[in-house]
């Protein structure tokens, strides 16, 4: 699958490396442009390509891994996602780690409103970057919570992450599942679970 990743910081980098393990075509981008990533070429396998944000946003599956404050504006660059999947991995913090309030909406609902006609899934944000590889030292699989409103999109997402050693756990719709995954919701960055299967 072709996967566009918006943001090449710690989270975007780890997710690019993780998904590249399964021979997906990864299109990694950052606002400074592809040339700004050239010095990091050795950090990625050959199936990770450096592209513009505009190009990455056109992938069948888009991962938004930029600061929450920037994410709505980035997603709004596309007029119509035509039911493509957008994975929200953000947490509602400012650059100086102050919590951003979005009530009455969840953070993912805010991003879903910005990503017109996209099928949005909330995932990965409850894991620290070092656990986003799916690997666990003692064997087993890494639990990955996810939520979304589209059943077919969630099935596709779960099938995508299972081969990466994740055990996906569906928490329901964005309204409920997203609320327990976001900052202050109970699961945010507190549960680093592994299961034996």
C-alpha atoms as a PDB file:
ATOM      1  CA  UNK A   1       0.000   0.000   0.000  1.00  0.00           C
ATOM      2  CA  UNK A   2       1.064   3.594  -0.566  1.00  0.00           C
ATOM      3  CA  UNK A   3       1.156   5.459   2.754  1.00  0.00           C
ATOM      4  CA  UNK A   4       1.654   9.205   3.035  1.00  0.00           C
ATOM      5  CA  UNK A   5       3.127  10.495   6.286  1.00  0.00           C
ATOM      6  CA  UNK A   6       2.849  14.168   7.123  1.00  0.00           C
ATOM      7  CA  UNK A   7       5.559  15.114   9.578  1.00  0.00           C
ATOM      8  CA  UNK A   8       9.084  13.739   9.860  1.00  0.00           C
ATOM      9  CA  UNK A   9       9.777  14.373  13.532  1.00  0.00           C
ATOM     10  CA  UNK A  10      10.224  11.548  16.017  1.00  0.00           C
ATOM     11  CA  UNK A  11       6.749  10.034  15.529  1.00  0.00           C
ATOM     12  CA  UNK A  12       6.647  10.391  11.749  1.00  0.00           C
ATOM     13  CA  UNK A  13      10.138   8.916  11.464  1.00  0.00           C
ATOM     14  CA  UNK A  14       9.354   5.871  13.614  1.00  0.00           C
ATOM     15  CA  UNK A  15       6.090   5.197  11.788  1.00  0.00           C
ATOM     16  CA  UNK A  16       7.805   5.495   8.399  1.00  0.00           C
ATOM     17  CA  UNK A  17      10.410   2.965   9.498  1.00  0.00           C
ATOM     18  CA  UNK A  18       7.760   0.685  11.014  1.00  0.00           C
ATOM     19  CA  UNK A  19       5.431   0.577   8.013  1.00  0.00           C
ATOM     20  CA  UNK A  20       8.395   0.253   5.635  1.00  0.00           C
ATOM     21  CA  UNK A  21       9.099  -3.171   7.168  1.00  0.00           C
ATOM     22  CA  UNK A  22       6.163  -4.602   5.210  1.00  0.00           C
ATOM     23  CA  UNK A  23       7.332  -3.273   1.833  1.00  0.00           C
ATOM     24  CA  UNK A  24       4.672  -0.557   1.716  1.00  0.00           C
ATOM     25  CA  UNK A  25       5.543   2.467  -0.395  1.00  0.00           C
ATOM     26  CA  UNK A  26       6.072   5.218   2.155  1.00  0.00           C
ATOM     27  CA  UNK A  27       5.867   8.860   1.139  1.00  0.00           C
ATOM     28  CA  UNK A  28       7.414  10.861   3.977  1.00  0.00           C
ATOM     29  CA  UNK A  29       7.015  14.625   4.020  1.00  0.00           C
ATOM     30  CA  UNK A  30       7.659  17.734   6.052  1.00  0.00           C
ATOM     31  CA  UNK A  31       6.775  21.351   5.429  1.00  0.00           C
ATOM     32  CA  UNK A  32      10.414  22.283   4.684  1.00  0.00           C
ATOM     33  CA  UNK A  33      10.292  20.035   1.613  1.00  0.00           C
ATOM     34  CA  UNK A  34      11.939  16.779   0.476  1.00  0.00           C
ATOM     35  CA  UNK A  35      15.433  18.273   0.211  1.00  0.00           C
ATOM     36  CA  UNK A  36      15.408  18.955   3.948  1.00  0.00           C
ATOM     37  CA  UNK A  37      15.320  15.185   4.557  1.00  0.00           C
ATOM     38  CA  UNK A  38      18.192  14.289   2.209  1.00  0.00           C
ATOM     39  CA  UNK A  39      20.799  14.173   4.987  1.00  0.00           C
ATOM     40  CA  UNK A  40      18.712  11.486   6.729  1.00  0.00           C
ATOM     41  CA  UNK A  41      18.513   9.132   3.738  1.00  0.00           C
ATOM     42  CA  UNK A  42      20.548   6.439   5.525  1.00  0.00           C
ATOM     43  CA  UNK A  43      17.937   6.264   8.309  1.00  0.00           C
ATOM     44  CA  UNK A  44      15.293   4.821   5.984  1.00  0.00           C
ATOM     45  CA  UNK A  45      15.000   1.816   3.671  1.00  0.00           C
ATOM     46  CA  UNK A  46      14.656   2.280  -0.081  1.00  0.00           C
ATOM     47  CA  UNK A  47      10.836   2.033  -0.011  1.00  0.00           C
ATOM     48  CA  UNK A  48      10.651   5.342   1.912  1.00  0.00           C
ATOM     49  CA  UNK A  49      10.522   8.234  -0.537  1.00  0.00           C
ATOM     50  CA  UNK A  50      10.852  11.889   0.453  1.00  0.00           C
ATOM     51  CA  UNK A  51       8.058  13.971  -1.076  1.00  0.00           C
ATOM     52  CA  UNK A  52       6.199  17.237  -0.661  1.00  0.00           C
ATOM     53  CA  UNK A  53       3.344  17.499   1.815  1.00  0.00           C
ATOM     54  CA  UNK A  54       0.955  17.946  -1.114  1.00  0.00           C
ATOM     55  CA  UNK A  55       2.096  14.632  -2.609  1.00  0.00           C
ATOM     56  CA  UNK A  56       1.873  12.737   0.694  1.00  0.00           C
ATOM     57  CA  UNK A  57      -1.663  14.038   1.230  1.00  0.00           C
ATOM     58  CA  UNK A  58      -2.768  12.252  -1.960  1.00  0.00           C
ATOM     59  CA  UNK A  59      -1.851   8.747  -0.746  1.00  0.00           C
ATOM     60  CA  UNK A  60      -4.611   6.152  -0.226  1.00  0.00           C
ATOM     61  CA  UNK A  61      -3.777   6.205   3.484  1.00  0.00           C
ATOM     62  CA  UNK A  62      -2.484   9.380   5.141  1.00  0.00           C
ATOM     63  CA  UNK A  63      -0.900   9.535   8.591  1.00  0.00           C
ATOM     64  CA  UNK A  64      -0.990  12.979  10.175  1.00  0.00           C
ATOM     65  CA  UNK A  65       1.991  13.259  12.557  1.00  0.00           C
ATOM     66  CA  UNK A  66       2.390  17.002  13.020  1.00  0.00           C
ATOM     67  CA  UNK A  67       1.628  19.045  16.153  1.00  0.00           C
ATOM     68  CA  UNK A  68      -2.104  19.172  16.853  1.00  0.00           C
ATOM     69  CA  UNK A  69      -2.275  22.940  16.326  1.00  0.00           C
ATOM     70  CA  UNK A  70      -0.969  22.547  12.772  1.00  0.00           C
ATOM     71  CA  UNK A  71      -2.957  19.454  11.813  1.00  0.00           C
ATOM     72  CA  UNK A  72      -6.327  21.010  10.831  1.00  0.00           C
ATOM     73  CA  UNK A  73      -4.644  23.494   8.490  1.00  0.00           C
ATOM     74  CA  UNK A  74      -2.534  20.783   6.883  1.00  0.00           C
ATOM     75  CA  UNK A  75      -5.501  18.479   6.336  1.00  0.00           C
ATOM     76  CA  UNK A  76      -7.619  21.313   4.931  1.00  0.00           C
ATOM     77  CA  UNK A  77      -5.180  21.646   2.015  1.00  0.00           C
ATOM     78  CA  UNK A  78      -7.134  18.828   0.327  1.00  0.00           C
ATOM     79  CA  UNK A  79     -10.626  19.819  -0.795  1.00  0.00           C
ATOM     80  CA  UNK A  80     -11.999  16.253  -0.871  1.00  0.00           C
ATOM     81  CA  UNK A  81     -10.336  13.081   0.419  1.00  0.00           C
ATOM     82  CA  UNK A  82     -12.778  10.902  -1.533  1.00  0.00           C
ATOM     83  CA  UNK A  83     -13.167   8.444   1.360  1.00  0.00           C
ATOM     84  CA  UNK A  84      -9.441   7.849   1.750  1.00  0.00           C
ATOM     85  CA  UNK A  85      -8.230   6.898   5.235  1.00  0.00           C
ATOM     86  CA  UNK A  86      -6.573   9.495   7.468  1.00  0.00           C
ATOM     87  CA  UNK A  87      -4.884   8.226  10.630  1.00  0.00           C
ATOM     88  CA  UNK A  88      -4.699  10.774  13.427  1.00  0.00           C
ATOM     89  CA  UNK A  89      -1.711  10.141  15.716  1.00  0.00           C
ATOM     90  CA  UNK A  90      -1.753  13.578  17.348  1.00  0.00           C
ATOM     91  CA  UNK A  91      -2.112  14.563  20.979  1.00  0.00           C
ATOM     92  CA  UNK A  92      -3.712  17.828  22.069  1.00  0.00           C
ATOM     93  CA  UNK A  93      -0.658  19.693  23.281  1.00  0.00           C
ATOM     94  CA  UNK A  94       0.886  22.992  22.285  1.00  0.00           C
ATOM     95  CA  UNK A  95       4.595  23.114  21.459  1.00  0.00           C
ATOM     96  CA  UNK A  96       5.297  23.869  25.129  1.00  0.00           C
ATOM     97  CA  UNK A  97       3.094  20.945  26.280  1.00  0.00           C
ATOM     98  CA  UNK A  98       0.038  22.876  27.368  1.00  0.00           C
ATOM     99  CA  UNK A  99      -3.207  21.000  26.862  1.00  0.00           C
ATOM    100  CA  UNK A 100      -5.444  22.206  24.035  1.00  0.00           C
ATOM    101  CA  UNK A 101      -9.176  22.175  24.777  1.00  0.00           C
ATOM    102  CA  UNK A 102     -11.480  21.212  21.927  1.00  0.00           C
ATOM    103  CA  UNK A 103     -14.735  20.560  23.808  1.00  0.00           C
ATOM    104  CA  UNK A 104     -17.429  19.751  22.941  1.00  0.00           C
ATOM    105  CA  UNK A 105     -15.545  17.860  20.189  1.00  0.00           C
ATOM    106  CA  UNK A 106     -12.752  15.364  20.664  1.00  0.00           C
ATOM    107  CA  UNK A 107      -9.446  16.207  19.026  1.00  0.00           C
ATOM    108  CA  UNK A 108     -10.035  13.589  16.338  1.00  0.00           C
ATOM    109  CA  UNK A 109     -13.449  15.043  15.561  1.00  0.00           C
ATOM    110  CA  UNK A 110     -11.762  18.402  15.013  1.00  0.00           C
ATOM    111  CA  UNK A 111      -9.375  16.783  12.534  1.00  0.00           C
ATOM    112  CA  UNK A 112     -12.184  14.831  10.886  1.00  0.00           C
ATOM    113  CA  UNK A 113     -14.000  18.107  10.247  1.00  0.00           C
ATOM    114  CA  UNK A 114     -10.843  19.484   8.595  1.00  0.00           C
ATOM    115  CA  UNK A 115     -10.329  16.375   6.434  1.00  0.00           C
ATOM    116  CA  UNK A 116     -13.386  16.658   4.203  1.00  0.00           C
ATOM    117  CA  UNK A 117     -14.845  13.287   3.178  1.00  0.00           C
ATOM    118  CA  UNK A 118     -12.011  11.311   4.809  1.00  0.00           C
ATOM    119  CA  UNK A 119     -12.482   8.213   6.930  1.00  0.00           C
ATOM    120  CA  UNK A 120     -10.560   9.179  10.072  1.00  0.00           C
ATOM    121  CA  UNK A 121      -9.029   6.707  12.491  1.00  0.00           C
ATOM    122  CA  UNK A 122      -7.431   7.625  15.810  1.00  0.00           C
ATOM    123  CA  UNK A 123      -4.408   5.418  16.604  1.00  0.00           C
ATOM    124  CA  UNK A 124      -0.836   5.299  17.923  1.00  0.00           C
ATOM    125  CA  UNK A 125      -1.165   8.414  20.107  1.00  0.00           C
ATOM    126  CA  UNK A 126      -1.325   6.368  23.342  1.00  0.00           C
ATOM    127  CA  UNK A 127       2.097   4.833  22.644  1.00  0.00           C
ATOM    128  CA  UNK A 128       5.454   6.527  23.176  1.00  0.00           C
ATOM    129  CA  UNK A 129       7.521   6.502  19.951  1.00  0.00           C
ATOM    130  CA  UNK A 130       9.782   3.653  21.064  1.00  0.00           C
ATOM    131  CA  UNK A 131       6.720   1.370  21.280  1.00  0.00           C
ATOM    132  CA  UNK A 132       5.373   2.347  17.846  1.00  0.00           C
ATOM    133  CA  UNK A 133       7.586  -0.301  16.244  1.00  0.00           C
ATOM    134  CA  UNK A 134       5.246  -3.034  17.486  1.00  0.00           C
ATOM    135  CA  UNK A 135       8.149  -5.012  18.889  1.00  0.00           C
ATOM    136  CA  UNK A 136       8.201  -6.284  22.465  1.00  0.00           C
ATOM    137  CA  UNK A 137      11.337  -7.547  24.184  1.00  0.00           C
ATOM    138  CA  UNK A 138       9.748 -10.568  25.841  1.00  0.00           C
ATOM    139  CA  UNK A 139       7.698 -11.773  22.884  1.00  0.00           C
ATOM    140  CA  UNK A 140       3.974 -11.384  22.328  1.00  0.00           C
ATOM    141  CA  UNK A 141       2.374  -8.474  20.518  1.00  0.00           C
ATOM    142  CA  UNK A 142       1.989  -4.772  21.236  1.00  0.00           C
ATOM    143  CA  UNK A 143      -1.592  -3.661  21.954  1.00  0.00           C
ATOM    144  CA  UNK A 144      -2.678  -0.804  19.697  1.00  0.00           C
ATOM    145  CA  UNK A 145      -5.887   1.034  20.547  1.00  0.00           C
ATOM    146  CA  UNK A 146      -7.798   2.575  17.662  1.00  0.00           C
ATOM    147  CA  UNK A 147     -11.150   4.241  17.026  1.00  0.00           C
ATOM    148  CA  UNK A 148     -13.140   5.476  14.050  1.00  0.00           C
ATOM    149  CA  UNK A 149     -16.610   5.873  12.623  1.00  0.00           C
ATOM    150  CA  UNK A 150     -16.196   3.794   9.450  1.00  0.00           C
ATOM    151  CA  UNK A 151     -16.320   0.009   9.984  1.00  0.00           C
ATOM    152  CA  UNK A 152     -14.639  -0.884   6.687  1.00  0.00           C
ATOM    153  CA  UNK A 153     -11.815   1.597   7.256  1.00  0.00           C
ATOM    154  CA  UNK A 154     -11.183   0.168  10.714  1.00  0.00           C
ATOM    155  CA  UNK A 155     -11.009  -3.372   9.323  1.00  0.00           C
ATOM    156  CA  UNK A 156      -8.529  -2.217   6.693  1.00  0.00           C
ATOM    157  CA  UNK A 157      -6.432  -0.448   9.326  1.00  0.00           C
ATOM    158  CA  UNK A 158      -6.420  -3.478  11.645  1.00  0.00           C
ATOM    159  CA  UNK A 159      -5.313  -5.729   8.783  1.00  0.00           C
ATOM    160  CA  UNK A 160      -2.536  -3.263   7.978  1.00  0.00           C
ATOM    161  CA  UNK A 161      -1.026  -3.197  11.486  1.00  0.00           C
ATOM    162  CA  UNK A 162      -1.368  -6.864  12.489  1.00  0.00           C
ATOM    163  CA  UNK A 163       1.661  -7.998  10.421  1.00  0.00           C
ATOM    164  CA  UNK A 164       3.722  -5.340  12.242  1.00  0.00           C
ATOM    165  CA  UNK A 165       3.288  -7.248  15.540  1.00  0.00           C
ATOM    166  CA  UNK A 166       0.429  -5.118  16.843  1.00  0.00           C
ATOM    167  CA  UNK A 167      -2.713  -6.466  18.483  1.00  0.00           C
ATOM    168  CA  UNK A 168      -5.296  -3.870  17.402  1.00  0.00           C
ATOM    169  CA  UNK A 169      -8.093  -3.163  19.903  1.00  0.00           C
ATOM    170  CA  UNK A 170     -11.149  -1.364  18.551  1.00  0.00           C
ATOM    171  CA  UNK A 171     -12.478   1.206  21.035  1.00  0.00           C
ATOM    172  CA  UNK A 172     -15.479   2.195  18.932  1.00  0.00           C
ATOM    173  CA  UNK A 173     -16.361   5.485  17.294  1.00  0.00           C
ATOM    174  CA  UNK A 174     -14.280   8.655  17.296  1.00  0.00           C
ATOM    175  CA  UNK A 175     -16.657  10.283  19.746  1.00  0.00           C
ATOM    176  CA  UNK A 176     -16.219   7.652  22.445  1.00  0.00           C
ATOM    177  CA  UNK A 177     -13.011   5.837  21.555  1.00  0.00           C
ATOM    178  CA  UNK A 178     -11.217   9.038  20.650  1.00  0.00           C
ATOM    179  CA  UNK A 179     -12.243  10.652  23.933  1.00  0.00           C
ATOM    180  CA  UNK A 180     -10.687   7.910  26.070  1.00  0.00           C
ATOM    181  CA  UNK A 181      -7.511   7.898  23.943  1.00  0.00           C
ATOM    182  CA  UNK A 182      -6.881  11.630  23.969  1.00  0.00           C
ATOM    183  CA  UNK A 183      -5.062  13.600  26.647  1.00  0.00           C
ATOM    184  CA  UNK A 184      -6.935  13.275  29.933  1.00  0.00           C
ATOM    185  CA  UNK A 185      -9.117  10.464  28.635  1.00  0.00           C
ATOM    186  CA  UNK A 186      -7.634   7.634  30.657  1.00  0.00           C
ATOM    187  CA  UNK A 187      -5.593   5.742  28.074  1.00  0.00           C
ATOM    188  CA  UNK A 188      -3.319   8.515  26.832  1.00  0.00           C
ATOM    189  CA  UNK A 189       0.336   7.467  27.156  1.00  0.00           C
ATOM    190  CA  UNK A 190      -0.305   5.260  30.196  1.00  0.00           C
ATOM    191  CA  UNK A 191      -0.869   1.738  28.881  1.00  0.00           C
ATOM    192  CA  UNK A 192       2.066   0.012  27.213  1.00  0.00           C
ATOM    193  CA  UNK A 193       0.477  -3.403  27.032  1.00  0.00           C
ATOM    194  CA  UNK A 194       1.738  -6.544  25.392  1.00  0.00           C
ATOM    195  CA  UNK A 195      -0.224  -9.744  24.926  1.00  0.00           C
ATOM    196  CA  UNK A 196       0.882 -13.303  24.258  1.00  0.00           C
ATOM    197  CA  UNK A 197      -0.860 -14.946  21.350  1.00  0.00           C
END
